Amino acid sequence: ERVHVCHLCNVRKEHKQIRRQRARLMLDRDSAEKRLRERSAYEDTRLKKTLGGMVNVQGGSSFIRKGNLTHKAKKLADIFDSNALMIVEMIEGNYLEGLQPEDLAEVFSWFAYDRDVDFPNRLLLPRFIVNLRRELDDLQNAIFQAERRQDLRLTPGHNPFFSVPARAWCTGTPIGAILEACDMSDGDLVVTFNKTMATMTRGWPHLNLQA
């Protein structure tokens, strides 16, 4: 060792430390690459399963017929929303037929409120909207069941705790009066209204409405 060319090197200890660090880093790299391969294989399998499940769900909902996309599938592709399947089914099933703009705003607001809490609400919906909500509950449950059979949970559905404020606002009720009747913050209400308009815009090409 004493006659070796590196014996008297001033940075020999530093080089030894670097070699040890390099060895540790190479082990860490190999371990990370192994985890990446395992994760990639898992994700590949998961995505294939998810895609297959989506095809089965949509095939049963007239989105795919004999391996080809239907007009409903083209509408689905135009709507960028987690409840896109529900929205298309509402439109195609004529659930929204004959509704006024304020009624449509009410329906879409159910999908926009993102708080998972109930709140006192002294505002009332007209009977035909109550009946519509019950019909949409049945539609939504059918979608849930179709997805669960494929071990999927893609459609979150509408919020069961929110109703009336959007329609009340569209028919002229002041924000202040709505807040007095509903125990919710003005920020939550404004955010919900903004999301409602965004959701309606995503389905707008197929609603045949005027702004």
N, C-alpha and C. Protein backbone atom coordinates (compact mmCIF):
# COMPACT_ATOMS: atom_id res chain seq x y z
N GLU A 1 0.83 -1.21 0.00
CA GLU A 1 0.00 0.00 0.00
C GLU A 1 0.87 1.26 0.00
N ARG A 2 1.99 1.18 0.78
CA ARG A 2 2.83 2.39 0.87
C ARG A 2 3.50 2.73 -0.45
N VAL A 3 3.73 1.74 -1.29
CA VAL A 3 4.39 2.03 -2.58
C VAL A 3 3.38 2.31 -3.68
N HIS A 4 2.11 2.16 -3.34
CA HIS A 4 1.09 2.42 -4.37
C HIS A 4 1.06 3.90 -4.71
N VAL A 5 0.76 4.20 -5.96
CA VAL A 5 0.79 5.58 -6.44
C VAL A 5 -0.23 6.46 -5.72
N CYS A 6 -1.29 5.85 -5.19
CA CYS A 6 -2.34 6.64 -4.53
C CYS A 6 -2.09 6.81 -3.03
N HIS A 7 -1.02 6.14 -2.50
CA HIS A 7 -0.84 6.14 -1.04
C HIS A 7 -0.63 7.55 -0.49
N LEU A 8 0.13 8.35 -1.19
CA LEU A 8 0.44 9.69 -0.72
C LEU A 8 -0.51 10.76 -1.28
N CYS A 9 -1.59 10.33 -1.95
CA CYS A 9 -2.54 11.30 -2.53
C CYS A 9 -3.24 12.09 -1.43
N ASN A 10 -3.30 13.38 -1.62
CA ASN A 10 -3.91 14.25 -0.61
C ASN A 10 -5.43 14.07 -0.49
N VAL A 11 -6.05 13.54 -1.54
CA VAL A 11 -7.52 13.40 -1.54
C VAL A 11 -7.92 11.92 -1.55
N ARG A 12 -7.02 11.04 -1.08
CA ARG A 12 -7.31 9.61 -1.11
C ARG A 12 -8.54 9.26 -0.28
N LYS A 13 -8.64 9.83 0.95
CA LYS A 13 -9.79 9.54 1.79
C LYS A 13 -11.08 10.03 1.15
N GLU A 14 -11.01 11.19 0.54
CA GLU A 14 -12.20 11.74 -0.14
C GLU A 14 -12.63 10.82 -1.27
N HIS A 15 -11.62 10.29 -2.01
CA HIS A 15 -11.95 9.38 -3.11
C HIS A 15 -12.59 8.09 -2.60
N LYS A 16 -12.10 7.58 -1.46
CA LYS A 16 -12.67 6.37 -0.88
C LYS A 16 -14.14 6.62 -0.47
N GLN A 17 -14.39 7.79 0.10
CA GLN A 17 -15.75 8.12 0.49
C GLN A 17 -16.67 8.23 -0.74
N ILE A 18 -16.11 8.80 -1.80
CA ILE A 18 -16.89 8.95 -3.03
C ILE A 18 -17.23 7.58 -3.61
N ARG A 19 -16.23 6.64 -3.56
CA ARG A 19 -16.48 5.29 -4.07
C ARG A 19 -17.58 4.59 -3.26
N ARG A 20 -17.54 4.76 -1.94
CA ARG A 20 -18.59 4.16 -1.11
C ARG A 20 -19.95 4.79 -1.43
N GLN A 21 -19.95 6.12 -1.59
CA GLN A 21 -21.21 6.81 -1.92
C GLN A 21 -21.73 6.35 -3.27
N ARG A 22 -20.81 6.17 -4.22
CA ARG A 22 -21.21 5.71 -5.55
C ARG A 22 -21.84 4.32 -5.46
N ALA A 23 -21.25 3.45 -4.65
CA ALA A 23 -21.80 2.10 -4.50
C ALA A 23 -23.20 2.15 -3.90
N ARG A 24 -23.38 3.00 -2.87
CA ARG A 24 -24.70 3.13 -2.27
C ARG A 24 -25.72 3.67 -3.27
N LEU A 25 -25.30 4.68 -4.04
CA LEU A 25 -26.20 5.27 -5.02
C LEU A 25 -26.59 4.27 -6.09
N MET A 26 -25.62 3.42 -6.50
CA MET A 26 -25.95 2.40 -7.51
C MET A 26 -26.95 1.40 -6.98
N LEU A 27 -26.80 1.03 -5.68
CA LEU A 27 -27.78 0.14 -5.08
C LEU A 27 -29.15 0.80 -5.01
N ASP A 28 -29.18 2.08 -4.63
CA ASP A 28 -30.45 2.81 -4.57
C ASP A 28 -31.07 2.91 -5.95
N ARG A 29 -30.22 3.15 -6.97
CA ARG A 29 -30.72 3.25 -8.34
C ARG A 29 -31.35 1.94 -8.78
N ASP A 30 -30.65 0.82 -8.52
CA ASP A 30 -31.18 -0.49 -8.91
C ASP A 30 -32.50 -0.77 -8.20
N SER A 31 -32.58 -0.39 -6.92
CA SER A 31 -33.82 -0.60 -6.17
C SER A 31 -34.94 0.26 -6.73
N ALA A 32 -34.62 1.52 -7.07
CA ALA A 32 -35.64 2.42 -7.64
C ALA A 32 -36.11 1.92 -9.00
N GLU A 33 -35.20 1.42 -9.82
CA GLU A 33 -35.58 0.90 -11.12
C GLU A 33 -36.48 -0.33 -10.98
N LYS A 34 -36.18 -1.16 -9.98
CA LYS A 34 -37.03 -2.33 -9.75
C LYS A 34 -38.43 -1.90 -9.33
N ARG A 35 -38.52 -0.92 -8.42
CA ARG A 35 -39.84 -0.43 -8.00
C ARG A 35 -40.58 0.19 -9.17
N LEU A 36 -39.85 0.90 -10.04
CA LEU A 36 -40.49 1.52 -11.20
C LEU A 36 -41.05 0.47 -12.14
N ARG A 37 -40.28 -0.61 -12.36
CA ARG A 37 -40.77 -1.69 -13.24
C ARG A 37 -42.02 -2.34 -12.65
N GLU A 38 -41.98 -2.56 -11.33
CA GLU A 38 -43.14 -3.18 -10.68
C GLU A 38 -44.35 -2.26 -10.74
N ARG A 39 -44.12 -0.95 -10.51
CA ARG A 39 -45.22 0.00 -10.55
C ARG A 39 -45.78 0.14 -11.96
N SER A 40 -44.89 0.15 -12.94
CA SER A 40 -45.34 0.25 -14.34
C SER A 40 -46.18 -0.95 -14.73
N ALA A 41 -45.75 -2.14 -14.30
CA ALA A 41 -46.52 -3.34 -14.60
C ALA A 41 -47.88 -3.30 -13.91
N TYR A 42 -47.90 -2.81 -12.67
CA TYR A 42 -49.16 -2.70 -11.94
C TYR A 42 -50.10 -1.70 -12.63
N GLU A 43 -49.56 -0.54 -13.00
CA GLU A 43 -50.38 0.49 -13.64
C GLU A 43 -50.89 0.01 -14.99
N ASP A 44 -50.04 -0.71 -15.71
CA ASP A 44 -50.45 -1.23 -17.01
C ASP A 44 -51.63 -2.18 -16.86
N THR A 45 -51.53 -3.07 -15.86
CA THR A 45 -52.62 -4.01 -15.60
C THR A 45 -53.88 -3.28 -15.13
N ARG A 46 -53.69 -2.28 -14.24
CA ARG A 46 -54.83 -1.53 -13.71
C ARG A 46 -55.54 -0.77 -14.82
N LEU A 47 -54.76 -0.11 -15.69
CA LEU A 47 -55.37 0.67 -16.77
C LEU A 47 -56.09 -0.22 -17.77
N LYS A 48 -55.51 -1.39 -18.06
CA LYS A 48 -56.18 -2.31 -18.97
C LYS A 48 -57.51 -2.77 -18.38
N LYS A 49 -57.48 -3.06 -17.07
CA LYS A 49 -58.70 -3.49 -16.39
C LYS A 49 -59.74 -2.37 -16.38
N THR A 50 -59.27 -1.14 -16.09
CA THR A 50 -60.18 0.01 -16.06
C THR A 50 -60.78 0.25 -17.44
N LEU A 51 -59.93 0.21 -18.47
CA LEU A 51 -60.41 0.43 -19.83
C LEU A 51 -61.41 -0.64 -20.23
N GLY A 52 -61.09 -1.90 -19.89
CA GLY A 52 -62.02 -2.97 -20.20
C GLY A 52 -63.35 -2.79 -19.49
N GLY A 53 -63.28 -2.36 -18.21
CA GLY A 53 -64.51 -2.11 -17.47
C GLY A 53 -65.32 -0.98 -18.07
N MET A 54 -64.64 0.10 -18.49
CA MET A 54 -65.33 1.23 -19.11
C MET A 54 -66.00 0.81 -20.41
N VAL A 55 -65.32 -0.01 -21.19
CA VAL A 55 -65.91 -0.50 -22.44
C VAL A 55 -67.17 -1.31 -22.15
N ASN A 56 -67.09 -2.16 -21.11
CA ASN A 56 -68.26 -2.97 -20.76
C ASN A 56 -69.42 -2.10 -20.27
N VAL A 57 -69.11 -1.10 -19.43
CA VAL A 57 -70.15 -0.21 -18.94
C VAL A 57 -70.79 0.56 -20.09
N GLN A 58 -69.95 1.13 -20.94
CA GLN A 58 -70.47 1.95 -22.03
C GLN A 58 -71.13 1.11 -23.11
N GLY A 59 -70.65 -0.13 -23.25
CA GLY A 59 -71.30 -1.02 -24.20
C GLY A 59 -72.72 -1.33 -23.78
N GLY A 60 -72.93 -1.40 -22.47
CA GLY A 60 -74.28 -1.65 -21.98
C GLY A 60 -75.14 -0.41 -21.95
N SER A 61 -74.54 0.75 -22.22
CA SER A 61 -75.28 2.02 -22.21
C SER A 61 -75.40 2.62 -23.61
N SER A 62 -75.23 1.79 -24.63
CA SER A 62 -75.39 2.22 -26.02
C SER A 62 -74.33 3.22 -26.47
N PHE A 63 -73.16 3.20 -25.83
CA PHE A 63 -72.06 4.04 -26.29
C PHE A 63 -71.22 3.31 -27.33
N ILE A 64 -71.20 2.00 -27.23
CA ILE A 64 -70.44 1.19 -28.18
C ILE A 64 -71.37 0.10 -28.70
N ARG A 65 -71.45 -0.01 -30.01
CA ARG A 65 -72.31 -1.03 -30.61
C ARG A 65 -71.53 -1.76 -31.69
N LYS A 66 -71.37 -3.06 -31.51
CA LYS A 66 -70.61 -3.90 -32.44
C LYS A 66 -69.20 -3.37 -32.66
N GLY A 67 -68.60 -2.88 -31.58
CA GLY A 67 -67.22 -2.41 -31.64
C GLY A 67 -67.06 -0.99 -32.17
N ASN A 68 -68.15 -0.35 -32.52
CA ASN A 68 -68.09 1.02 -33.06
C ASN A 68 -68.71 2.01 -32.09
N LEU A 69 -68.20 3.24 -32.11
CA LEU A 69 -68.73 4.30 -31.27
C LEU A 69 -70.05 4.80 -31.82
N THR A 70 -71.01 5.03 -30.94
CA THR A 70 -72.29 5.59 -31.34
C THR A 70 -72.26 7.11 -31.18
N HIS A 71 -73.37 7.75 -31.54
CA HIS A 71 -73.43 9.21 -31.41
C HIS A 71 -73.36 9.62 -29.94
N LYS A 72 -73.81 8.74 -29.04
CA LYS A 72 -73.70 9.05 -27.61
C LYS A 72 -72.24 9.11 -27.17
N ALA A 73 -71.43 8.24 -27.72
CA ALA A 73 -70.01 8.25 -27.37
C ALA A 73 -69.34 9.54 -27.83
N LYS A 74 -69.76 10.06 -28.97
CA LYS A 74 -69.19 11.31 -29.47
C LYS A 74 -69.58 12.47 -28.54
N LYS A 75 -70.80 12.44 -28.04
CA LYS A 75 -71.21 13.47 -27.08
C LYS A 75 -70.41 13.34 -25.78
N LEU A 76 -70.20 12.09 -25.37
CA LEU A 76 -69.43 11.84 -24.15
C LEU A 76 -68.02 12.41 -24.27
N ALA A 77 -67.44 12.29 -25.45
CA ALA A 77 -66.08 12.79 -25.66
C ALA A 77 -66.00 14.31 -25.58
N ASP A 78 -67.12 14.98 -25.78
CA ASP A 78 -67.14 16.46 -25.75
C ASP A 78 -67.29 17.01 -24.34
N ILE A 79 -67.61 16.17 -23.37
CA ILE A 79 -67.90 16.65 -22.02
C ILE A 79 -66.77 16.25 -21.08
N PHE A 80 -66.04 17.23 -20.60
CA PHE A 80 -64.91 16.98 -19.71
C PHE A 80 -65.36 17.22 -18.27
N ASP A 81 -65.95 16.20 -17.70
CA ASP A 81 -66.47 16.29 -16.34
C ASP A 81 -66.50 14.89 -15.76
N SER A 82 -66.28 14.79 -14.45
CA SER A 82 -66.29 13.47 -13.81
C SER A 82 -67.66 12.82 -13.89
N ASN A 83 -68.72 13.62 -14.07
CA ASN A 83 -70.07 13.09 -14.21
C ASN A 83 -70.53 13.07 -15.67
N ALA A 84 -69.56 12.99 -16.58
CA ALA A 84 -69.89 13.06 -18.01
C ALA A 84 -70.89 11.97 -18.42
N LEU A 85 -70.70 10.76 -17.92
CA LEU A 85 -71.61 9.67 -18.28
C LEU A 85 -73.03 9.99 -17.83
N MET A 86 -73.16 10.52 -16.62
CA MET A 86 -74.48 10.88 -16.10
C MET A 86 -75.09 12.01 -16.93
N ILE A 87 -74.29 13.00 -17.29
CA ILE A 87 -74.79 14.14 -18.05
C ILE A 87 -75.31 13.69 -19.42
N VAL A 88 -74.54 12.85 -20.10
CA VAL A 88 -74.98 12.37 -21.41
C VAL A 88 -76.26 11.56 -21.30
N GLU A 89 -76.34 10.72 -20.27
CA GLU A 89 -77.55 9.91 -20.10
C GLU A 89 -78.76 10.80 -19.80
N MET A 90 -78.55 11.90 -19.06
CA MET A 90 -79.65 12.82 -18.80
C MET A 90 -80.13 13.45 -20.10
N ILE A 91 -79.18 13.85 -20.93
CA ILE A 91 -79.53 14.51 -22.19
C ILE A 91 -80.20 13.52 -23.15
N GLU A 92 -79.56 12.36 -23.32
CA GLU A 92 -80.07 11.37 -24.27
C GLU A 92 -81.38 10.75 -23.80
N GLY A 93 -81.57 10.68 -22.49
CA GLY A 93 -82.80 10.10 -21.97
C GLY A 93 -83.94 11.08 -21.89
N ASN A 94 -83.71 12.30 -22.40
CA ASN A 94 -84.74 13.35 -22.43
C ASN A 94 -85.21 13.75 -21.03
N TYR A 95 -84.35 13.55 -20.04
CA TYR A 95 -84.71 13.98 -18.69
C TYR A 95 -84.79 15.50 -18.60
N LEU A 96 -84.05 16.19 -19.47
CA LEU A 96 -84.00 17.65 -19.41
C LEU A 96 -84.96 18.30 -20.41
N GLU A 97 -85.71 17.48 -21.10
CA GLU A 97 -86.61 17.99 -22.13
C GLU A 97 -87.66 18.92 -21.52
N GLY A 98 -87.80 20.11 -22.12
CA GLY A 98 -88.83 21.04 -21.69
C GLY A 98 -88.49 21.88 -20.48
N LEU A 99 -87.31 21.69 -19.91
CA LEU A 99 -86.92 22.48 -18.75
C LEU A 99 -86.53 23.89 -19.16
N GLN A 100 -86.86 24.83 -18.32
CA GLN A 100 -86.44 26.22 -18.53
C GLN A 100 -84.99 26.38 -18.07
N PRO A 101 -84.31 27.45 -18.51
CA PRO A 101 -82.91 27.66 -18.12
C PRO A 101 -82.69 27.60 -16.61
N GLU A 102 -83.62 28.18 -15.83
CA GLU A 102 -83.44 28.15 -14.39
C GLU A 102 -83.56 26.72 -13.83
N ASP A 103 -84.37 25.89 -14.51
CA ASP A 103 -84.49 24.50 -14.08
C ASP A 103 -83.21 23.73 -14.41
N LEU A 104 -82.64 24.01 -15.58
CA LEU A 104 -81.38 23.36 -15.95
C LEU A 104 -80.26 23.76 -15.00
N ALA A 105 -80.22 25.05 -14.67
CA ALA A 105 -79.21 25.51 -13.71
C ALA A 105 -79.36 24.78 -12.39
N GLU A 106 -80.59 24.56 -11.97
CA GLU A 106 -80.84 23.83 -10.72
C GLU A 106 -80.30 22.41 -10.79
N VAL A 107 -80.61 21.72 -11.90
CA VAL A 107 -80.17 20.33 -12.04
C VAL A 107 -78.64 20.25 -12.02
N PHE A 108 -77.99 21.10 -12.80
CA PHE A 108 -76.53 21.02 -12.88
C PHE A 108 -75.85 21.50 -11.60
N SER A 109 -76.54 22.31 -10.81
CA SER A 109 -75.94 22.74 -9.55
C SER A 109 -75.80 21.59 -8.58
N TRP A 110 -76.64 20.56 -8.72
CA TRP A 110 -76.53 19.39 -7.84
C TRP A 110 -75.19 18.69 -8.02
N PHE A 111 -74.61 18.83 -9.21
CA PHE A 111 -73.33 18.19 -9.49
C PHE A 111 -72.15 19.12 -9.18
N ALA A 112 -72.44 20.36 -8.84
CA ALA A 112 -71.37 21.35 -8.65
C ALA A 112 -70.99 21.56 -7.19
N TYR A 113 -71.93 21.35 -6.29
CA TYR A 113 -71.65 21.58 -4.86
C TYR A 113 -70.76 20.45 -4.34
N ASP A 114 -69.57 20.78 -3.82
CA ASP A 114 -68.60 19.75 -3.48
C ASP A 114 -68.42 19.54 -1.98
N ARG A 115 -69.29 20.13 -1.15
CA ARG A 115 -69.21 19.90 0.29
C ARG A 115 -70.03 18.66 0.66
N ASP A 116 -69.42 17.79 1.44
CA ASP A 116 -70.11 16.57 1.83
C ASP A 116 -70.79 16.75 3.18
N VAL A 117 -71.52 17.85 3.31
CA VAL A 117 -72.22 18.14 4.57
C VAL A 117 -73.61 18.67 4.25
N ASP A 118 -74.54 18.36 5.13
CA ASP A 118 -75.90 18.87 5.00
C ASP A 118 -75.98 20.24 5.67
N PHE A 119 -76.99 21.03 5.30
CA PHE A 119 -77.18 22.34 5.91
C PHE A 119 -78.66 22.68 5.90
N PRO A 120 -79.12 23.45 6.90
CA PRO A 120 -80.53 23.86 6.93
C PRO A 120 -80.90 24.62 5.65
N ASN A 121 -82.05 24.31 5.10
CA ASN A 121 -82.46 24.91 3.84
C ASN A 121 -83.97 25.11 3.87
N ARG A 122 -84.37 26.38 3.89
CA ARG A 122 -85.80 26.69 3.96
C ARG A 122 -86.39 27.01 2.59
N LEU A 123 -85.58 26.86 1.55
CA LEU A 123 -86.07 27.06 0.19
C LEU A 123 -86.72 25.78 -0.31
N LEU A 124 -87.72 25.92 -1.16
CA LEU A 124 -88.46 24.76 -1.65
C LEU A 124 -88.39 24.65 -3.17
N LEU A 125 -88.38 23.41 -3.65
CA LEU A 125 -88.40 23.15 -5.08
C LEU A 125 -89.84 22.87 -5.52
N PRO A 126 -90.18 23.23 -6.76
CA PRO A 126 -91.50 22.86 -7.28
C PRO A 126 -91.60 21.35 -7.42
N ARG A 127 -92.81 20.86 -7.42
CA ARG A 127 -93.04 19.42 -7.41
C ARG A 127 -92.38 18.72 -8.60
N PHE A 128 -92.43 19.33 -9.80
CA PHE A 128 -91.90 18.63 -10.97
C PHE A 128 -90.38 18.48 -10.89
N ILE A 129 -89.69 19.41 -10.20
CA ILE A 129 -88.24 19.27 -10.03
C ILE A 129 -87.94 18.18 -8.99
N VAL A 130 -88.77 18.09 -7.95
CA VAL A 130 -88.62 17.02 -6.96
C VAL A 130 -88.77 15.66 -7.63
N ASN A 131 -89.79 15.54 -8.49
CA ASN A 131 -90.00 14.28 -9.21
C ASN A 131 -88.84 13.97 -10.14
N LEU A 132 -88.32 15.02 -10.80
CA LEU A 132 -87.18 14.83 -11.69
C LEU A 132 -85.97 14.34 -10.91
N ARG A 133 -85.76 14.90 -9.74
CA ARG A 133 -84.62 14.48 -8.94
C ARG A 133 -84.73 13.00 -8.56
N ARG A 134 -85.93 12.55 -8.27
CA ARG A 134 -86.12 11.14 -7.95
C ARG A 134 -85.82 10.27 -9.16
N GLU A 135 -86.23 10.72 -10.35
CA GLU A 135 -85.95 9.96 -11.56
C GLU A 135 -84.44 9.92 -11.82
N LEU A 136 -83.76 11.04 -11.58
CA LEU A 136 -82.32 11.07 -11.77
C LEU A 136 -81.60 10.22 -10.73
N ASP A 137 -82.17 10.11 -9.55
CA ASP A 137 -81.60 9.20 -8.55
C ASP A 137 -81.61 7.76 -9.07
N ASP A 138 -82.71 7.38 -9.70
CA ASP A 138 -82.81 6.02 -10.26
C ASP A 138 -81.78 5.83 -11.38
N LEU A 139 -81.65 6.84 -12.24
CA LEU A 139 -80.66 6.77 -13.32
C LEU A 139 -79.26 6.67 -12.75
N GLN A 140 -78.98 7.49 -11.76
CA GLN A 140 -77.65 7.50 -11.15
C GLN A 140 -77.34 6.15 -10.49
N ASN A 141 -78.31 5.58 -9.80
CA ASN A 141 -78.09 4.29 -9.16
C ASN A 141 -77.82 3.20 -10.20
N ALA A 142 -78.47 3.30 -11.36
CA ALA A 142 -78.23 2.32 -12.42
C ALA A 142 -76.79 2.44 -12.94
N ILE A 143 -76.30 3.68 -13.06
CA ILE A 143 -74.92 3.90 -13.50
C ILE A 143 -73.95 3.37 -12.45
N PHE A 144 -74.24 3.66 -11.18
CA PHE A 144 -73.39 3.16 -10.09
C PHE A 144 -73.30 1.63 -10.14
N GLN A 145 -74.43 0.98 -10.32
CA GLN A 145 -74.45 -0.48 -10.33
C GLN A 145 -73.67 -1.04 -11.51
N ALA A 146 -73.81 -0.38 -12.69
CA ALA A 146 -73.08 -0.84 -13.87
C ALA A 146 -71.58 -0.71 -13.65
N GLU A 147 -71.16 0.38 -13.01
CA GLU A 147 -69.74 0.58 -12.74
C GLU A 147 -69.24 -0.39 -11.67
N ARG A 148 -70.03 -0.61 -10.62
CA ARG A 148 -69.60 -1.51 -9.55
C ARG A 148 -69.43 -2.94 -10.06
N ARG A 149 -70.27 -3.33 -11.02
CA ARG A 149 -70.13 -4.69 -11.57
C ARG A 149 -68.79 -4.86 -12.26
N GLN A 150 -68.20 -3.74 -12.72
CA GLN A 150 -66.88 -3.77 -13.35
C GLN A 150 -65.78 -3.33 -12.39
N ASP A 151 -66.14 -3.25 -11.12
CA ASP A 151 -65.20 -2.82 -10.07
C ASP A 151 -64.66 -1.42 -10.36
N LEU A 152 -65.54 -0.54 -10.81
CA LEU A 152 -65.17 0.85 -11.13
C LEU A 152 -65.97 1.80 -10.26
N ARG A 153 -65.36 2.96 -10.01
CA ARG A 153 -66.04 4.05 -9.31
C ARG A 153 -65.63 5.35 -9.98
N LEU A 154 -66.21 5.57 -11.15
CA LEU A 154 -65.82 6.72 -11.97
C LEU A 154 -66.79 7.89 -11.82
N THR A 155 -68.06 7.61 -11.68
CA THR A 155 -69.08 8.65 -11.61
C THR A 155 -69.38 8.99 -10.16
N PRO A 156 -69.04 10.21 -9.70
CA PRO A 156 -69.33 10.58 -8.31
C PRO A 156 -70.81 10.83 -8.05
N GLY A 157 -71.54 11.25 -9.10
CA GLY A 157 -72.96 11.52 -8.94
C GLY A 157 -73.23 12.90 -8.36
N HIS A 158 -74.51 13.24 -8.21
CA HIS A 158 -74.86 14.56 -7.70
C HIS A 158 -74.76 14.58 -6.18
N ASN A 159 -74.71 15.78 -5.63
CA ASN A 159 -74.61 15.96 -4.19
C ASN A 159 -76.01 15.90 -3.57
N PRO A 160 -76.24 14.97 -2.66
CA PRO A 160 -77.59 14.82 -2.10
C PRO A 160 -77.97 15.94 -1.13
N PHE A 161 -77.00 16.78 -0.75
CA PHE A 161 -77.26 17.81 0.26
C PHE A 161 -77.60 19.18 -0.34
N PHE A 162 -77.48 19.32 -1.67
CA PHE A 162 -77.62 20.66 -2.25
C PHE A 162 -78.81 20.71 -3.20
N SER A 163 -79.64 21.72 -3.02
CA SER A 163 -80.75 21.97 -3.95
C SER A 163 -81.34 23.35 -3.69
N VAL A 164 -81.98 23.89 -4.71
CA VAL A 164 -82.79 25.12 -4.69
C VAL A 164 -82.03 26.43 -4.92
N PRO A 165 -80.86 26.72 -4.27
CA PRO A 165 -80.25 28.04 -4.43
C PRO A 165 -80.05 28.48 -5.87
N ALA A 166 -79.61 27.60 -6.75
CA ALA A 166 -79.34 27.99 -8.13
C ALA A 166 -80.62 28.43 -8.84
N ARG A 167 -81.68 27.66 -8.67
CA ARG A 167 -82.95 28.02 -9.31
C ARG A 167 -83.50 29.31 -8.71
N ALA A 168 -83.37 29.45 -7.39
CA ALA A 168 -83.87 30.66 -6.74
C ALA A 168 -83.13 31.89 -7.26
N TRP A 169 -81.82 31.77 -7.43
CA TRP A 169 -81.03 32.90 -7.92
C TRP A 169 -81.42 33.24 -9.35
N CYS A 170 -81.62 32.21 -10.19
CA CYS A 170 -81.97 32.44 -11.60
C CYS A 170 -83.36 33.06 -11.75
N THR A 171 -84.21 32.85 -10.77
CA THR A 171 -85.57 33.41 -10.85
C THR A 171 -85.67 34.74 -10.12
N GLY A 172 -84.54 35.31 -9.71
CA GLY A 172 -84.54 36.66 -9.17
C GLY A 172 -84.38 36.81 -7.68
N THR A 173 -84.24 35.73 -6.95
CA THR A 173 -84.05 35.85 -5.51
C THR A 173 -82.66 36.39 -5.22
N PRO A 174 -82.53 37.46 -4.43
CA PRO A 174 -81.21 38.04 -4.13
C PRO A 174 -80.33 37.05 -3.37
N ILE A 175 -79.03 37.18 -3.57
CA ILE A 175 -78.07 36.33 -2.89
C ILE A 175 -78.26 36.40 -1.37
N GLY A 176 -78.50 37.61 -0.86
CA GLY A 176 -78.67 37.78 0.57
C GLY A 176 -79.83 36.96 1.11
N ALA A 177 -80.93 36.97 0.38
CA ALA A 177 -82.10 36.20 0.82
C ALA A 177 -81.82 34.70 0.76
N ILE A 178 -81.05 34.27 -0.24
CA ILE A 178 -80.70 32.85 -0.34
C ILE A 178 -79.83 32.44 0.84
N LEU A 179 -78.86 33.30 1.20
CA LEU A 179 -77.97 32.98 2.31
C LEU A 179 -78.73 32.95 3.64
N GLU A 180 -79.75 33.81 3.76
CA GLU A 180 -80.55 33.79 4.98
C GLU A 180 -81.35 32.50 5.10
N ALA A 181 -81.78 31.97 3.96
CA ALA A 181 -82.60 30.76 3.98
C ALA A 181 -81.75 29.48 4.04
N CYS A 182 -80.48 29.61 3.68
CA CYS A 182 -79.59 28.44 3.68
C CYS A 182 -78.39 28.73 4.56
N ASP A 183 -78.10 27.85 5.45
CA ASP A 183 -76.98 28.03 6.36
C ASP A 183 -75.68 27.59 5.68
N MET A 184 -75.21 28.42 4.73
CA MET A 184 -73.96 28.14 4.03
C MET A 184 -73.25 29.46 3.77
N SER A 185 -71.95 29.40 3.53
CA SER A 185 -71.18 30.62 3.35
C SER A 185 -71.40 31.18 1.95
N ASP A 186 -71.22 32.51 1.82
CA ASP A 186 -71.38 33.12 0.51
C ASP A 186 -70.31 32.62 -0.46
N GLY A 187 -69.11 32.30 0.08
CA GLY A 187 -68.04 31.77 -0.78
C GLY A 187 -68.43 30.44 -1.39
N ASP A 188 -68.99 29.54 -0.58
CA ASP A 188 -69.42 28.24 -1.10
C ASP A 188 -70.51 28.42 -2.15
N LEU A 189 -71.40 29.36 -1.92
CA LEU A 189 -72.50 29.58 -2.86
C LEU A 189 -71.98 30.09 -4.20
N VAL A 190 -71.07 31.07 -4.17
CA VAL A 190 -70.53 31.64 -5.41
C VAL A 190 -69.72 30.59 -6.17
N VAL A 191 -68.91 29.82 -5.44
CA VAL A 191 -68.12 28.77 -6.09
C VAL A 191 -69.04 27.75 -6.76
N THR A 192 -70.12 27.39 -6.07
CA THR A 192 -71.06 26.43 -6.64
C THR A 192 -71.72 26.98 -7.89
N PHE A 193 -72.09 28.25 -7.88
CA PHE A 193 -72.68 28.86 -9.07
C PHE A 193 -71.69 28.87 -10.23
N ASN A 194 -70.43 29.18 -9.95
CA ASN A 194 -69.41 29.18 -11.01
C ASN A 194 -69.23 27.78 -11.59
N LYS A 195 -69.18 26.78 -10.71
CA LYS A 195 -69.03 25.40 -11.18
C LYS A 195 -70.26 24.96 -11.96
N THR A 196 -71.43 25.44 -11.55
CA THR A 196 -72.65 25.09 -12.26
C THR A 196 -72.59 25.59 -13.69
N MET A 197 -72.18 26.83 -13.86
CA MET A 197 -72.07 27.39 -15.22
C MET A 197 -71.02 26.65 -16.02
N ALA A 198 -69.92 26.26 -15.38
CA ALA A 198 -68.87 25.53 -16.09
C ALA A 198 -69.37 24.16 -16.53
N THR A 199 -70.12 23.49 -15.65
CA THR A 199 -70.66 22.17 -15.98
C THR A 199 -71.66 22.26 -17.13
N MET A 200 -72.51 23.29 -17.10
CA MET A 200 -73.48 23.47 -18.18
C MET A 200 -72.77 23.78 -19.49
N THR A 201 -71.68 24.53 -19.41
CA THR A 201 -70.92 24.85 -20.62
C THR A 201 -70.34 23.60 -21.25
N ARG A 202 -69.91 22.65 -20.41
CA ARG A 202 -69.34 21.42 -20.94
C ARG A 202 -70.38 20.62 -21.71
N GLY A 203 -71.64 20.71 -21.28
CA GLY A 203 -72.70 19.99 -21.98
C GLY A 203 -73.47 20.88 -22.94
N TRP A 204 -73.05 22.15 -23.05
CA TRP A 204 -73.81 23.14 -23.81
C TRP A 204 -74.07 22.76 -25.27
N PRO A 205 -73.08 22.18 -26.00
CA PRO A 205 -73.33 21.89 -27.41
C PRO A 205 -74.53 20.98 -27.64
N HIS A 206 -74.94 20.24 -26.61
CA HIS A 206 -76.01 19.26 -26.79
C HIS A 206 -77.29 19.65 -26.04
N LEU A 207 -77.31 20.83 -25.42
CA LEU A 207 -78.50 21.25 -24.68
C LEU A 207 -79.45 22.07 -25.53
N ASN A 208 -78.95 22.60 -26.66
CA ASN A 208 -79.77 23.39 -27.55
C ASN A 208 -80.45 24.56 -26.84
N LEU A 209 -79.65 25.28 -26.04
CA LEU A 209 -80.17 26.43 -25.31
C LEU A 209 -79.53 27.71 -25.81
N GLN A 210 -80.18 28.80 -25.50
CA GLN A 210 -79.60 30.11 -25.77
C GLN A 210 -79.12 30.68 -24.45
N ALA A 211 -78.01 31.43 -24.47
CA ALA A 211 -77.44 31.99 -23.24
C ALA A 211 -78.42 32.98 -22.64
